[in-house]
């Protein structure tokens, strides 16, 4: 095989990812949610108990509704995240599949005299992500009703005689939905979605979308040393729900008015920085990069990074330096010029 042929083969996945990203930003894309896990909590005390374990208000959730949460240590450091959904007889926690054992261990430690039972509900649930401006039209073509589904709400409907759970997911950039069913129905759904115009996406294109959204991932952008307010994810916090694990630290930060560092995005000019790259101003460390990618947008390739920076450096509105280039703070979500 010639070097030219080898280069063409090596470039092929990147070309496919570029097509998939265009679908996510301008049309509709579909991908299997293989990295998502589920935990089920049952028992008479489940609502009161879980409300004391997470940062958002579980007690306010009606059946079918959900909200995003952090799980904290007693010192207020983030130990994991999950979207909690209410059912009539259970609570469902959607989180990273890799986090399921850690989250279950953390939660189980605090079940003392409570009527609560946890189980790993991941098995038998196959999920599909459908995202993009045309995703609603594609789902409507399959007769999957979503028009009345509020953000972070779920509903089980019948499709070809089988149950499919539809979730209106979170995204500040494009419409996003999840479909959950057993394996055979999920396979049929994927084929039907593609026949209706959805483009099959890969992990790279979905990661590019995540960075454009500015959605932090636990384990990558959020580590167990971060405090909730440092992540800028105010959607995970409720300040009037009462006591919960780590709440004293969260409330102390709120009463003081701020944290010293915050999660944000940067446009990189220079070499593409790796995760862990430090940011400096006047020779002093002021932040770090946690995710970065060269993203092929219409008409340009933008080098975009997520990470943390000290607030005073952002307030000064000065470029941040890293080894190999300059990081310029930008607003989130990052919208391509054609979509602005």
Foldseek 3Di string as FASTA:
>chain_A
DDPVVVVVVVCVVVVLLQVQLCCQAANKAKEKPPFKWKKKKFFPCRQVLVCQFWFDHSVPADAQAWFKTFGAALQQFGPAIWIWHDHPGIIMTMGTPVCVVVVCVVSVVPPDVGGMDMDTPGPQKIKMKMHYQHSCVLCVVQVNDDPPADARGWDWDAGPRFTWIKHFYDFPRITMMMIIGGPVVVVVVVVSSVVSPHHYHDPVSVVVRCLLQLPDHEPQAGDRRDHVVQAVPCRHHDDPNDHHRSVVVVVVQVVVPHDFKHKFKWWWDFDQDDFQWFWDDPPDTFWTWRDWDQRDDVPGTIIMTIIMGTPVVVVVQDWIDTVTTTTHTDHHNHDDPVGD
